[in-house]
């Protein structure tokens, strides 16, 4: 890689980092090229169309980059965590803890949650969150961790666990919930699993862990 290419890559990374901070704090609608440049400590002209032609391109790049990161987390969870509920909860926990520590992760989650309302065009993920959660719940039923309520029930329970988990994280991100992400998620899941009729909610939670290094 030439020096010019290295400088271009470094500038691109700086823009994405500054944009992530703005998207995480203010959402897609609230972030602007001007505010992103200010977060970099540079004038708006420093962003340049040779890097990103629009705010939407920056948002899409941030989320696409995190799709790869989340896919790697999922692969690690699949290798090291028992199937069913522990696998689903461990994946959500890992994503939430990573996002708590990384502004780009927080931005990616907020952009996804705002996707419908903001109209931002984001590339399809390498996995569909709801399909993944439904598959994990179906495994939980097969393994006797949850009662068999049929396919619609599996989709409902999976969606409930996913939506509640990411929703609580988003509320916490805006100061509505306590800062202890893991404790808050585990408390929420304990109640949800009890309501869903889990045969051993405490066992599932005990097997739940983050795969962050």
N, C-alpha and C. Protein backbone atom coordinates (compact mmCIF):
# COMPACT_ATOMS: atom_id res chain seq x y z
N UNK A 1 0.84 -1.20 0.00
CA UNK A 1 0.00 0.00 0.00
C UNK A 1 0.88 1.24 0.00
N UNK A 2 0.58 2.18 -0.90
CA UNK A 2 1.36 3.40 -0.99
C UNK A 2 1.04 4.32 0.18
N UNK A 3 1.89 5.34 0.36
CA UNK A 3 1.67 6.31 1.43
C UNK A 3 0.34 7.02 1.23
N UNK A 4 0.02 7.35 -0.03
CA UNK A 4 -1.24 8.02 -0.33
C UNK A 4 -2.44 7.12 0.04
N UNK A 5 -2.34 5.86 -0.28
CA UNK A 5 -3.41 4.92 0.05
C UNK A 5 -3.56 4.76 1.56
N UNK A 6 -2.42 4.74 2.25
CA UNK A 6 -2.45 4.64 3.72
C UNK A 6 -3.13 5.86 4.32
N UNK A 7 -2.79 7.04 3.80
CA UNK A 7 -3.40 8.27 4.30
C UNK A 7 -4.90 8.30 4.03
N UNK A 8 -5.30 7.82 2.86
CA UNK A 8 -6.72 7.77 2.52
C UNK A 8 -7.46 6.83 3.44
N UNK A 9 -6.86 5.66 3.72
CA UNK A 9 -7.48 4.68 4.61
C UNK A 9 -7.59 5.23 6.03
N UNK A 10 -6.56 5.94 6.47
CA UNK A 10 -6.58 6.53 7.80
C UNK A 10 -7.66 7.60 7.91
N UNK A 11 -7.78 8.43 6.89
CA UNK A 11 -8.82 9.47 6.89
C UNK A 11 -10.21 8.84 6.89
N UNK A 12 -10.38 7.80 6.11
CA UNK A 12 -11.67 7.11 6.06
C UNK A 12 -12.03 6.56 7.44
N UNK A 13 -11.05 5.95 8.12
CA UNK A 13 -11.29 5.41 9.46
C UNK A 13 -11.65 6.53 10.44
N UNK A 14 -10.99 7.68 10.32
CA UNK A 14 -11.28 8.82 11.19
C UNK A 14 -12.70 9.33 10.96
N UNK A 15 -13.10 9.40 9.71
CA UNK A 15 -14.45 9.87 9.39
C UNK A 15 -15.48 8.91 9.98
N UNK A 16 -15.26 7.61 9.80
CA UNK A 16 -16.21 6.63 10.31
C UNK A 16 -16.29 6.67 11.84
N UNK A 17 -15.16 6.85 12.50
CA UNK A 17 -15.15 6.93 13.96
C UNK A 17 -15.90 8.15 14.45
N UNK A 18 -15.66 9.30 13.81
CA UNK A 18 -16.36 10.53 14.21
C UNK A 18 -17.85 10.42 13.90
N UNK A 19 -18.18 9.86 12.75
CA UNK A 19 -19.59 9.70 12.38
C UNK A 19 -20.30 8.76 13.34
N UNK A 20 -19.62 7.70 13.74
CA UNK A 20 -20.22 6.75 14.68
C UNK A 20 -20.59 7.43 15.98
N UNK A 21 -19.72 8.29 16.47
CA UNK A 21 -20.01 9.03 17.70
C UNK A 21 -21.27 9.88 17.52
N UNK A 22 -21.39 10.53 16.37
CA UNK A 22 -22.56 11.38 16.10
C UNK A 22 -23.83 10.55 15.92
N UNK A 23 -23.75 9.46 15.17
CA UNK A 23 -24.92 8.61 14.96
C UNK A 23 -25.38 8.00 16.28
N UNK A 24 -24.43 7.55 17.10
CA UNK A 24 -24.78 6.93 18.37
C UNK A 24 -25.47 7.92 19.29
N UNK A 25 -25.02 9.16 19.28
CA UNK A 25 -25.55 10.18 20.19
C UNK A 25 -26.83 10.83 19.67
N UNK A 26 -26.90 11.04 18.36
CA UNK A 26 -28.00 11.86 17.81
C UNK A 26 -28.86 11.14 16.77
N UNK A 27 -28.51 9.90 16.43
CA UNK A 27 -29.27 9.19 15.42
C UNK A 27 -28.92 9.65 14.02
N UNK A 28 -29.50 8.97 13.03
CA UNK A 28 -29.19 9.31 11.63
C UNK A 28 -29.63 10.72 11.30
N UNK A 29 -30.84 11.08 11.69
CA UNK A 29 -31.37 12.40 11.34
C UNK A 29 -30.60 13.52 12.01
N UNK A 30 -30.10 13.27 13.22
CA UNK A 30 -29.45 14.32 13.98
C UNK A 30 -27.99 14.56 13.61
N UNK A 31 -27.38 13.60 12.94
CA UNK A 31 -25.97 13.76 12.54
C UNK A 31 -25.90 14.45 11.19
N UNK A 32 -24.91 15.31 11.02
CA UNK A 32 -24.72 16.03 9.75
C UNK A 32 -23.24 15.98 9.36
N UNK A 33 -22.96 16.30 8.11
CA UNK A 33 -21.56 16.38 7.69
C UNK A 33 -20.81 17.41 8.54
N UNK A 34 -21.49 18.49 8.88
CA UNK A 34 -20.86 19.53 9.69
C UNK A 34 -20.52 19.02 11.09
N UNK A 35 -21.46 18.30 11.71
CA UNK A 35 -21.21 17.80 13.07
C UNK A 35 -20.16 16.69 13.06
N UNK A 36 -20.13 15.89 11.98
CA UNK A 36 -19.11 14.84 11.88
C UNK A 36 -17.73 15.46 11.74
N UNK A 37 -17.63 16.49 10.91
CA UNK A 37 -16.34 17.18 10.75
C UNK A 37 -15.92 17.82 12.07
N UNK A 38 -16.89 18.41 12.79
CA UNK A 38 -16.58 19.03 14.08
C UNK A 38 -16.07 17.99 15.07
N UNK A 39 -16.64 16.79 15.03
CA UNK A 39 -16.19 15.72 15.93
C UNK A 39 -14.76 15.30 15.61
N UNK A 40 -14.36 15.51 14.35
CA UNK A 40 -12.98 15.22 13.95
C UNK A 40 -12.06 16.40 14.26
N UNK A 41 -12.65 17.54 14.60
CA UNK A 41 -11.86 18.74 14.82
C UNK A 41 -11.38 19.35 13.53
N UNK A 42 -12.17 19.17 12.44
CA UNK A 42 -11.77 19.66 11.13
C UNK A 42 -12.94 20.36 10.46
N UNK A 43 -12.67 21.17 9.43
CA UNK A 43 -13.77 21.81 8.70
C UNK A 43 -14.51 20.79 7.85
N UNK A 44 -15.73 21.14 7.47
CA UNK A 44 -16.56 20.24 6.67
C UNK A 44 -15.86 19.82 5.38
N UNK A 45 -15.09 20.71 4.81
CA UNK A 45 -14.39 20.42 3.54
C UNK A 45 -13.40 19.27 3.68
N UNK A 46 -12.98 18.96 4.92
CA UNK A 46 -12.00 17.91 5.13
C UNK A 46 -12.57 16.52 4.85
N UNK A 47 -13.91 16.40 4.88
CA UNK A 47 -14.51 15.09 4.64
C UNK A 47 -14.32 14.67 3.18
N UNK A 48 -14.57 15.56 2.27
CA UNK A 48 -14.29 15.29 0.86
C UNK A 48 -15.16 14.20 0.25
N UNK A 49 -15.64 14.44 -0.94
CA UNK A 49 -16.48 13.46 -1.62
C UNK A 49 -15.69 12.27 -2.15
N UNK A 50 -14.37 12.33 -2.14
CA UNK A 50 -13.59 11.18 -2.59
C UNK A 50 -13.63 10.05 -1.56
N UNK A 51 -14.07 10.35 -0.34
CA UNK A 51 -14.20 9.33 0.70
C UNK A 51 -15.64 8.83 0.77
N UNK A 52 -16.56 9.71 1.05
CA UNK A 52 -17.99 9.38 1.13
C UNK A 52 -18.79 10.47 0.43
N UNK A 53 -19.70 10.06 -0.45
CA UNK A 53 -20.48 11.05 -1.20
C UNK A 53 -21.71 11.53 -0.44
N UNK A 54 -22.06 10.81 0.64
CA UNK A 54 -23.26 11.20 1.39
C UNK A 54 -23.18 10.66 2.81
N UNK A 55 -24.04 11.21 3.65
CA UNK A 55 -24.16 10.71 5.02
C UNK A 55 -24.63 9.26 5.02
N UNK A 56 -25.48 8.93 4.07
CA UNK A 56 -25.99 7.56 3.98
C UNK A 56 -24.87 6.57 3.69
N UNK A 57 -23.91 6.95 2.86
CA UNK A 57 -22.78 6.07 2.57
C UNK A 57 -21.97 5.81 3.83
N UNK A 58 -21.80 6.82 4.66
CA UNK A 58 -21.05 6.63 5.91
C UNK A 58 -21.81 5.68 6.82
N UNK A 59 -23.11 5.90 6.97
CA UNK A 59 -23.94 5.04 7.82
C UNK A 59 -23.89 3.60 7.35
N UNK A 60 -24.02 3.40 6.04
CA UNK A 60 -24.00 2.05 5.48
C UNK A 60 -22.65 1.39 5.71
N UNK A 61 -21.56 2.15 5.59
CA UNK A 61 -20.23 1.59 5.80
C UNK A 61 -20.03 1.15 7.25
N UNK A 62 -20.54 1.94 8.19
CA UNK A 62 -20.42 1.60 9.61
C UNK A 62 -21.17 0.31 9.91
N UNK A 63 -22.41 0.21 9.42
CA UNK A 63 -23.20 -0.99 9.70
C UNK A 63 -22.63 -2.21 8.99
N UNK A 64 -22.21 -2.06 7.74
CA UNK A 64 -21.64 -3.18 6.99
C UNK A 64 -20.39 -3.71 7.68
N UNK A 65 -19.57 -2.82 8.19
CA UNK A 65 -18.37 -3.24 8.91
C UNK A 65 -18.75 -4.04 10.15
N UNK A 66 -19.83 -3.64 10.81
CA UNK A 66 -20.23 -4.36 12.01
C UNK A 66 -20.97 -5.66 11.71
N UNK A 67 -21.55 -5.77 10.53
CA UNK A 67 -22.10 -7.07 10.15
C UNK A 67 -21.00 -8.12 10.20
N UNK A 68 -19.84 -7.77 9.69
CA UNK A 68 -18.71 -8.71 9.69
C UNK A 68 -18.28 -9.04 11.12
N UNK A 69 -18.26 -8.02 11.96
CA UNK A 69 -17.86 -8.24 13.35
C UNK A 69 -18.89 -9.12 14.08
N UNK A 70 -20.18 -8.83 13.86
CA UNK A 70 -21.23 -9.62 14.50
C UNK A 70 -21.23 -11.05 13.99
N UNK A 71 -20.96 -11.24 12.70
CA UNK A 71 -20.89 -12.59 12.15
C UNK A 71 -19.76 -13.37 12.80
N UNK A 72 -18.64 -12.70 13.07
CA UNK A 72 -17.52 -13.36 13.75
C UNK A 72 -17.90 -13.72 15.19
N UNK A 73 -18.62 -12.81 15.87
CA UNK A 73 -19.08 -13.12 17.22
C UNK A 73 -19.99 -14.35 17.20
N UNK A 74 -20.90 -14.39 16.22
CA UNK A 74 -21.83 -15.51 16.16
C UNK A 74 -21.09 -16.82 15.92
N UNK A 75 -20.09 -16.80 15.05
CA UNK A 75 -19.31 -18.01 14.80
C UNK A 75 -18.62 -18.48 16.07
N UNK A 76 -18.09 -17.54 16.84
CA UNK A 76 -17.43 -17.89 18.10
C UNK A 76 -18.42 -18.45 19.11
N UNK A 77 -19.61 -17.85 19.19
CA UNK A 77 -20.66 -18.35 20.08
C UNK A 77 -21.06 -19.76 19.68
N UNK A 78 -21.23 -20.00 18.38
CA UNK A 78 -21.62 -21.33 17.89
C UNK A 78 -20.60 -22.39 18.29
N UNK A 79 -19.33 -22.00 18.31
CA UNK A 79 -18.27 -22.96 18.63
C UNK A 79 -18.17 -23.25 20.13
N UNK A 80 -18.56 -22.30 20.96
CA UNK A 80 -18.20 -22.43 22.37
C UNK A 80 -19.37 -22.43 23.36
N UNK A 81 -20.59 -22.19 22.90
CA UNK A 81 -21.73 -22.08 23.81
C UNK A 81 -22.78 -23.13 23.43
N UNK A 82 -23.39 -23.79 24.43
CA UNK A 82 -24.42 -24.79 24.13
C UNK A 82 -25.56 -24.21 23.30
N UNK A 83 -26.15 -25.06 22.47
CA UNK A 83 -27.22 -24.63 21.57
C UNK A 83 -28.47 -24.24 22.33
N UNK A 84 -29.36 -23.53 21.63
CA UNK A 84 -30.63 -23.12 22.21
C UNK A 84 -30.54 -21.77 22.88
N UNK A 85 -31.17 -21.65 24.03
CA UNK A 85 -31.23 -20.36 24.73
C UNK A 85 -29.86 -19.80 25.08
N UNK A 86 -28.91 -20.60 25.62
CA UNK A 86 -27.60 -20.02 25.95
C UNK A 86 -26.92 -19.40 24.74
N UNK A 87 -27.09 -20.01 23.58
CA UNK A 87 -26.44 -19.50 22.37
C UNK A 87 -27.05 -18.17 21.95
N UNK A 88 -28.37 -18.08 21.97
CA UNK A 88 -29.04 -16.82 21.60
C UNK A 88 -28.69 -15.72 22.58
N UNK A 89 -28.80 -16.00 23.87
CA UNK A 89 -28.53 -14.98 24.88
C UNK A 89 -27.06 -14.56 24.86
N UNK A 90 -26.15 -15.51 24.63
CA UNK A 90 -24.72 -15.18 24.59
C UNK A 90 -24.40 -14.27 23.42
N UNK A 91 -25.05 -14.51 22.29
CA UNK A 91 -24.81 -13.66 21.12
C UNK A 91 -25.29 -12.23 21.39
N UNK A 92 -26.50 -12.10 21.91
CA UNK A 92 -27.03 -10.76 22.20
C UNK A 92 -26.17 -10.06 23.25
N UNK A 93 -25.77 -10.80 24.28
CA UNK A 93 -24.92 -10.22 25.33
C UNK A 93 -23.60 -9.74 24.75
N UNK A 94 -22.98 -10.55 23.90
CA UNK A 94 -21.70 -10.17 23.30
C UNK A 94 -21.84 -8.91 22.46
N UNK A 95 -22.89 -8.85 21.64
CA UNK A 95 -23.12 -7.67 20.81
C UNK A 95 -23.34 -6.43 21.67
N UNK A 96 -24.12 -6.57 22.73
CA UNK A 96 -24.42 -5.43 23.60
C UNK A 96 -23.18 -4.94 24.34
N UNK A 97 -22.37 -5.86 24.87
CA UNK A 97 -21.17 -5.46 25.59
C UNK A 97 -20.14 -4.84 24.65
N UNK A 98 -20.04 -5.38 23.44
CA UNK A 98 -19.13 -4.80 22.45
C UNK A 98 -19.57 -3.38 22.10
N UNK A 99 -20.87 -3.21 21.92
CA UNK A 99 -21.39 -1.89 21.58
C UNK A 99 -21.22 -0.90 22.72
N UNK A 100 -21.32 -1.38 23.95
CA UNK A 100 -21.12 -0.51 25.10
C UNK A 100 -19.70 0.06 25.10
N UNK A 101 -18.74 -0.72 24.60
CA UNK A 101 -17.34 -0.29 24.61
C UNK A 101 -16.91 0.40 23.33
N UNK A 102 -17.72 0.30 22.27
CA UNK A 102 -17.30 0.78 20.96
C UNK A 102 -18.38 1.67 20.34
N UNK A 103 -18.09 2.96 20.13
CA UNK A 103 -19.08 3.86 19.53
C UNK A 103 -19.61 3.38 18.18
N UNK A 104 -18.77 2.71 17.39
CA UNK A 104 -19.24 2.22 16.10
C UNK A 104 -20.27 1.11 16.30
N UNK A 105 -20.12 0.29 17.33
CA UNK A 105 -21.12 -0.72 17.63
C UNK A 105 -22.43 -0.08 18.07
N UNK A 106 -22.34 0.94 18.93
CA UNK A 106 -23.55 1.66 19.36
C UNK A 106 -24.25 2.30 18.17
N UNK A 107 -23.44 2.90 17.29
CA UNK A 107 -24.02 3.55 16.11
C UNK A 107 -24.70 2.52 15.21
N UNK A 108 -24.07 1.37 15.02
CA UNK A 108 -24.63 0.34 14.15
C UNK A 108 -25.98 -0.13 14.67
N UNK A 109 -26.08 -0.36 15.98
CA UNK A 109 -27.35 -0.79 16.56
C UNK A 109 -28.40 0.29 16.41
N UNK A 110 -28.04 1.53 16.71
CA UNK A 110 -29.04 2.61 16.61
C UNK A 110 -29.49 2.80 15.16
N UNK A 111 -28.57 2.72 14.22
CA UNK A 111 -28.94 2.88 12.81
C UNK A 111 -29.88 1.76 12.37
N UNK A 112 -29.63 0.54 12.83
CA UNK A 112 -30.51 -0.57 12.48
C UNK A 112 -31.90 -0.38 13.09
N UNK A 113 -31.93 0.05 14.36
CA UNK A 113 -33.22 0.25 15.02
C UNK A 113 -34.01 1.39 14.38
N UNK A 114 -33.29 2.37 13.81
CA UNK A 114 -33.95 3.51 13.17
C UNK A 114 -34.17 3.31 11.67
N UNK A 115 -33.80 2.15 11.18
CA UNK A 115 -33.79 1.93 9.73
C UNK A 115 -35.13 2.27 9.08
N UNK A 116 -36.22 1.82 9.68
CA UNK A 116 -37.53 2.08 9.10
C UNK A 116 -37.94 3.53 9.17
N UNK A 117 -37.67 4.18 10.29
CA UNK A 117 -38.12 5.56 10.47
C UNK A 117 -37.23 6.57 9.77
N UNK A 118 -35.94 6.28 9.65
CA UNK A 118 -35.02 7.25 9.04
C UNK A 118 -34.97 7.13 7.52
N UNK A 119 -35.32 5.96 7.00
CA UNK A 119 -35.27 5.74 5.56
C UNK A 119 -33.87 5.50 5.03
N UNK A 120 -32.88 5.33 5.91
CA UNK A 120 -31.51 5.09 5.46
C UNK A 120 -31.43 3.72 4.80
N UNK A 121 -30.75 3.65 3.67
CA UNK A 121 -30.62 2.41 2.91
C UNK A 121 -29.37 1.68 3.37
N UNK A 122 -29.57 0.60 4.12
CA UNK A 122 -28.46 -0.17 4.67
C UNK A 122 -28.46 -1.55 4.04
N UNK A 123 -27.29 -2.04 3.69
CA UNK A 123 -27.17 -3.35 3.05
C UNK A 123 -27.75 -4.45 3.94
N UNK A 124 -28.27 -5.49 3.30
CA UNK A 124 -28.81 -6.62 4.05
C UNK A 124 -27.69 -7.32 4.81
N UNK A 125 -27.97 -7.78 6.02
CA UNK A 125 -26.94 -8.44 6.83
C UNK A 125 -26.64 -9.85 6.32
N UNK A 126 -25.48 -10.40 6.72
CA UNK A 126 -25.16 -11.79 6.34
C UNK A 126 -26.06 -12.79 7.05
N UNK A 127 -26.79 -12.34 8.02
CA UNK A 127 -27.78 -13.16 8.71
C UNK A 127 -28.94 -12.24 9.07
N UNK A 128 -30.12 -12.80 9.19
CA UNK A 128 -31.28 -12.02 9.61
C UNK A 128 -31.51 -12.26 11.09
N UNK A 129 -31.51 -11.18 11.86
CA UNK A 129 -31.58 -11.29 13.31
C UNK A 129 -32.78 -12.12 13.76
N UNK A 130 -33.94 -11.86 13.19
CA UNK A 130 -35.14 -12.55 13.65
C UNK A 130 -35.12 -14.02 13.23
N UNK A 131 -34.61 -14.31 12.05
CA UNK A 131 -34.50 -15.71 11.63
C UNK A 131 -33.55 -16.46 12.55
N UNK A 132 -32.45 -15.80 12.89
CA UNK A 132 -31.46 -16.41 13.78
C UNK A 132 -32.06 -16.68 15.16
N UNK A 133 -32.79 -15.71 15.71
CA UNK A 133 -33.37 -15.89 17.05
C UNK A 133 -34.44 -16.97 17.03
N UNK A 134 -35.22 -17.03 15.95
CA UNK A 134 -36.24 -18.07 15.84
C UNK A 134 -35.60 -19.44 15.78
N UNK A 135 -34.51 -19.58 15.01
CA UNK A 135 -33.82 -20.86 14.90
C UNK A 135 -33.27 -21.30 16.26
N UNK A 136 -32.73 -20.35 17.02
CA UNK A 136 -32.20 -20.70 18.35
C UNK A 136 -33.32 -21.14 19.28
N UNK A 137 -34.47 -20.49 19.21
CA UNK A 137 -35.61 -20.89 20.05
C UNK A 137 -36.12 -22.26 19.63
N UNK A 138 -36.14 -22.54 18.33
CA UNK A 138 -36.54 -23.87 17.86
C UNK A 138 -35.59 -24.94 18.40
N UNK A 139 -34.30 -24.62 18.43
CA UNK A 139 -33.33 -25.54 19.04
C UNK A 139 -33.62 -25.72 20.53
N UNK A 140 -34.00 -24.61 21.19
CA UNK A 140 -34.31 -24.68 22.62
C UNK A 140 -35.51 -25.60 22.86
N UNK A 141 -36.50 -25.53 21.99
CA UNK A 141 -37.67 -26.42 22.11
C UNK A 141 -37.23 -27.87 21.90
N UNK A 142 -36.44 -28.12 20.87
CA UNK A 142 -35.97 -29.47 20.57
C UNK A 142 -35.16 -30.06 21.72
N UNK A 143 -34.41 -29.21 22.41
CA UNK A 143 -33.57 -29.66 23.51
C UNK A 143 -34.30 -29.69 24.85
N UNK A 144 -35.58 -29.33 24.85
CA UNK A 144 -36.37 -29.36 26.07
C UNK A 144 -36.18 -28.17 26.98
N UNK A 145 -35.58 -27.09 26.45
CA UNK A 145 -35.37 -25.89 27.26
C UNK A 145 -36.62 -25.02 27.33
N UNK A 146 -37.50 -25.16 26.32
CA UNK A 146 -38.75 -24.42 26.24
C UNK A 146 -39.87 -25.37 25.81
N UNK A 147 -41.10 -25.09 26.21
CA UNK A 147 -42.22 -25.91 25.74
C UNK A 147 -42.47 -25.69 24.25
N UNK A 148 -43.05 -26.71 23.59
CA UNK A 148 -43.31 -26.64 22.16
C UNK A 148 -44.65 -25.96 21.92
N UNK A 149 -44.60 -24.74 21.41
CA UNK A 149 -45.83 -24.01 21.11
C UNK A 149 -46.05 -23.86 19.63
N UNK A 150 -45.22 -24.55 18.81
CA UNK A 150 -45.36 -24.44 17.37
C UNK A 150 -44.44 -23.38 16.78
N UNK A 151 -44.43 -23.33 15.44
CA UNK A 151 -43.53 -22.42 14.75
C UNK A 151 -43.82 -20.96 15.06
N UNK A 152 -45.09 -20.60 15.14
CA UNK A 152 -45.43 -19.20 15.42
C UNK A 152 -44.98 -18.79 16.81
N UNK A 153 -45.07 -19.74 17.76
CA UNK A 153 -44.62 -19.45 19.12
C UNK A 153 -43.12 -19.26 19.16
N UNK A 154 -42.38 -20.09 18.42
CA UNK A 154 -40.91 -19.97 18.39
C UNK A 154 -40.50 -18.60 17.84
N UNK A 155 -41.17 -18.18 16.77
CA UNK A 155 -40.87 -16.87 16.19
C UNK A 155 -41.21 -15.75 17.16
N UNK A 156 -42.32 -15.92 17.89
CA UNK A 156 -42.75 -14.90 18.84
C UNK A 156 -41.78 -14.79 20.01
N UNK A 157 -41.39 -15.94 20.57
CA UNK A 157 -40.46 -15.93 21.71
C UNK A 157 -39.10 -15.40 21.28
N UNK A 158 -38.62 -15.86 20.12
CA UNK A 158 -37.33 -15.37 19.62
C UNK A 158 -37.34 -13.88 19.39
N UNK A 159 -38.41 -13.39 18.78
CA UNK A 159 -38.52 -11.96 18.53
C UNK A 159 -38.60 -11.16 19.82
N UNK A 160 -39.30 -11.71 20.82
CA UNK A 160 -39.45 -11.04 22.10
C UNK A 160 -38.10 -10.91 22.81
N UNK A 161 -37.33 -12.00 22.80
CA UNK A 161 -36.01 -11.96 23.45
C UNK A 161 -35.09 -10.98 22.74
N UNK A 162 -35.10 -11.03 21.41
CA UNK A 162 -34.23 -10.14 20.62
C UNK A 162 -34.64 -8.68 20.78
N UNK A 163 -35.92 -8.40 20.59
CA UNK A 163 -36.40 -7.02 20.65
C UNK A 163 -36.21 -6.42 22.04
N UNK A 164 -36.54 -7.20 23.06
CA UNK A 164 -36.38 -6.70 24.43
C UNK A 164 -34.92 -6.44 24.75
N UNK A 165 -34.04 -7.36 24.31
CA UNK A 165 -32.62 -7.20 24.61
C UNK A 165 -32.02 -5.98 23.96
N UNK A 166 -32.24 -5.82 22.65
CA UNK A 166 -31.70 -4.66 21.94
C UNK A 166 -32.43 -3.38 22.34
N UNK A 167 -33.73 -3.50 22.65
CA UNK A 167 -34.48 -2.33 23.08
C UNK A 167 -34.00 -1.81 24.41
N UNK A 168 -33.71 -2.72 25.34
CA UNK A 168 -33.19 -2.30 26.63
C UNK A 168 -31.82 -1.65 26.46
N UNK A 169 -30.99 -2.23 25.58
CA UNK A 169 -29.68 -1.63 25.35
C UNK A 169 -29.82 -0.22 24.81
N UNK A 170 -30.75 -0.03 23.87
CA UNK A 170 -30.94 1.30 23.28
C UNK A 170 -31.44 2.29 24.33
N UNK A 171 -32.35 1.83 25.21
CA UNK A 171 -32.84 2.70 26.28
C UNK A 171 -31.69 3.07 27.22
N UNK A 172 -30.87 2.08 27.54
CA UNK A 172 -29.72 2.33 28.41
C UNK A 172 -28.76 3.31 27.75
N UNK A 173 -28.59 3.19 26.45
CA UNK A 173 -27.69 4.05 25.71
C UNK A 173 -28.10 5.51 25.81
N UNK A 174 -29.39 5.75 26.05
CA UNK A 174 -29.90 7.12 26.18
C UNK A 174 -30.14 7.51 27.62
N UNK A 175 -29.58 6.75 28.54
CA UNK A 175 -29.65 7.12 29.94
C UNK A 175 -30.94 6.75 30.64
N UNK A 176 -31.78 5.90 30.02
CA UNK A 176 -33.05 5.54 30.62
C UNK A 176 -32.88 4.37 31.59
N UNK A 177 -31.91 3.50 31.32
CA UNK A 177 -31.69 2.32 32.13
C UNK A 177 -30.32 2.39 32.83
N UNK A 178 -30.09 1.50 33.80
CA UNK A 178 -28.79 1.47 34.48
C UNK A 178 -27.65 1.20 33.51
N UNK A 179 -26.45 1.54 33.92
CA UNK A 179 -25.29 1.41 33.05
C UNK A 179 -24.78 -0.02 32.98
N UNK A 180 -25.10 -0.88 33.98
CA UNK A 180 -24.60 -2.24 33.99
C UNK A 180 -25.36 -3.08 32.96
N UNK A 181 -24.83 -3.10 31.76
CA UNK A 181 -25.50 -3.77 30.64
C UNK A 181 -25.80 -5.23 30.93
N UNK A 182 -24.79 -5.96 31.37
CA UNK A 182 -24.98 -7.40 31.57
C UNK A 182 -26.00 -7.69 32.65
N UNK A 183 -25.92 -7.00 33.79
CA UNK A 183 -26.87 -7.24 34.87
C UNK A 183 -28.29 -6.91 34.43
N UNK A 184 -28.44 -5.82 33.69
CA UNK A 184 -29.78 -5.42 33.23
C UNK A 184 -30.35 -6.45 32.26
N UNK A 185 -29.52 -6.93 31.33
CA UNK A 185 -29.98 -7.93 30.38
C UNK A 185 -30.34 -9.24 31.07
N UNK A 186 -29.51 -9.67 32.00
CA UNK A 186 -29.79 -10.93 32.69
C UNK A 186 -31.09 -10.84 33.51
N UNK A 187 -31.33 -9.72 34.13
CA UNK A 187 -32.57 -9.55 34.89
C UNK A 187 -33.78 -9.59 33.95
N UNK A 188 -33.66 -8.94 32.81
CA UNK A 188 -34.74 -8.95 31.83
C UNK A 188 -34.98 -10.36 31.31
N UNK A 189 -33.92 -11.05 30.95
CA UNK A 189 -34.05 -12.41 30.41
C UNK A 189 -34.63 -13.37 31.44
N UNK A 190 -34.26 -13.20 32.70
CA UNK A 190 -34.79 -14.08 33.74
C UNK A 190 -36.33 -14.00 33.76
N UNK A 191 -36.85 -12.79 33.67
CA UNK A 191 -38.30 -12.61 33.68
C UNK A 191 -38.93 -13.14 32.39
N UNK A 192 -38.30 -12.87 31.25
CA UNK A 192 -38.84 -13.32 29.97
C UNK A 192 -38.86 -14.85 29.87
N UNK A 193 -37.81 -15.48 30.32
CA UNK A 193 -37.73 -16.94 30.23
C UNK A 193 -38.75 -17.60 31.15
N UNK A 194 -38.95 -17.01 32.32
CA UNK A 194 -39.97 -17.54 33.23
C UNK A 194 -41.35 -17.43 32.58
N UNK A 195 -41.63 -16.31 31.95
CA UNK A 195 -42.92 -16.11 31.30
C UNK A 195 -43.10 -17.03 30.10
N UNK A 196 -42.00 -17.42 29.45
CA UNK A 196 -42.08 -18.30 28.27
C UNK A 196 -42.12 -19.77 28.67
N UNK A 197 -42.03 -20.05 29.97
CA UNK A 197 -42.12 -21.43 30.43
C UNK A 197 -40.82 -22.21 30.34
N UNK A 198 -39.68 -21.54 30.40
CA UNK A 198 -38.39 -22.23 30.33
C UNK A 198 -38.28 -23.25 31.46
N UNK A 199 -37.77 -24.42 31.13
CA UNK A 199 -37.66 -25.50 32.12
C UNK A 199 -36.54 -25.23 33.12
N UNK A 200 -35.50 -24.52 32.71
CA UNK A 200 -34.38 -24.23 33.60
C UNK A 200 -33.78 -22.89 33.21
N UNK A 201 -34.49 -21.83 33.56
CA UNK A 201 -34.04 -20.49 33.19
C UNK A 201 -32.68 -20.17 33.81
N UNK A 202 -32.49 -20.57 35.06
CA UNK A 202 -31.21 -20.28 35.73
C UNK A 202 -30.06 -21.03 35.08
N UNK A 203 -30.33 -22.24 34.62
CA UNK A 203 -29.30 -23.00 33.93
C UNK A 203 -28.92 -22.37 32.62
N UNK A 204 -29.92 -21.87 31.88
CA UNK A 204 -29.65 -21.20 30.61
C UNK A 204 -28.84 -19.93 30.84
N UNK A 205 -29.19 -19.19 31.87
CA UNK A 205 -28.46 -17.95 32.17
C UNK A 205 -27.04 -18.25 32.64
N UNK A 206 -26.89 -19.35 33.40
CA UNK A 206 -25.54 -19.72 33.86
C UNK A 206 -24.63 -20.08 32.70
N UNK A 207 -25.22 -20.64 31.62
CA UNK A 207 -24.43 -21.03 30.45
C UNK A 207 -24.21 -19.87 29.49
N UNK A 208 -24.87 -18.75 29.75
CA UNK A 208 -24.77 -17.57 28.89
C UNK A 208 -23.50 -16.80 29.22
N UNK A 209 -22.71 -16.47 28.21
CA UNK A 209 -21.47 -15.72 28.45
C UNK A 209 -21.09 -14.92 27.21
N UNK A 210 -20.32 -13.87 27.43
CA UNK A 210 -19.79 -13.10 26.32
C UNK A 210 -18.57 -13.81 25.74
N UNK A 211 -18.40 -13.73 24.44
CA UNK A 211 -17.20 -14.32 23.81
C UNK A 211 -16.19 -13.25 23.44
N UNK A 212 -16.36 -12.04 23.98
CA UNK A 212 -15.35 -11.01 23.73
C UNK A 212 -14.05 -11.40 24.39
N UNK A 213 -12.95 -11.12 23.71
CA UNK A 213 -11.64 -11.46 24.28
C UNK A 213 -11.20 -10.37 25.24
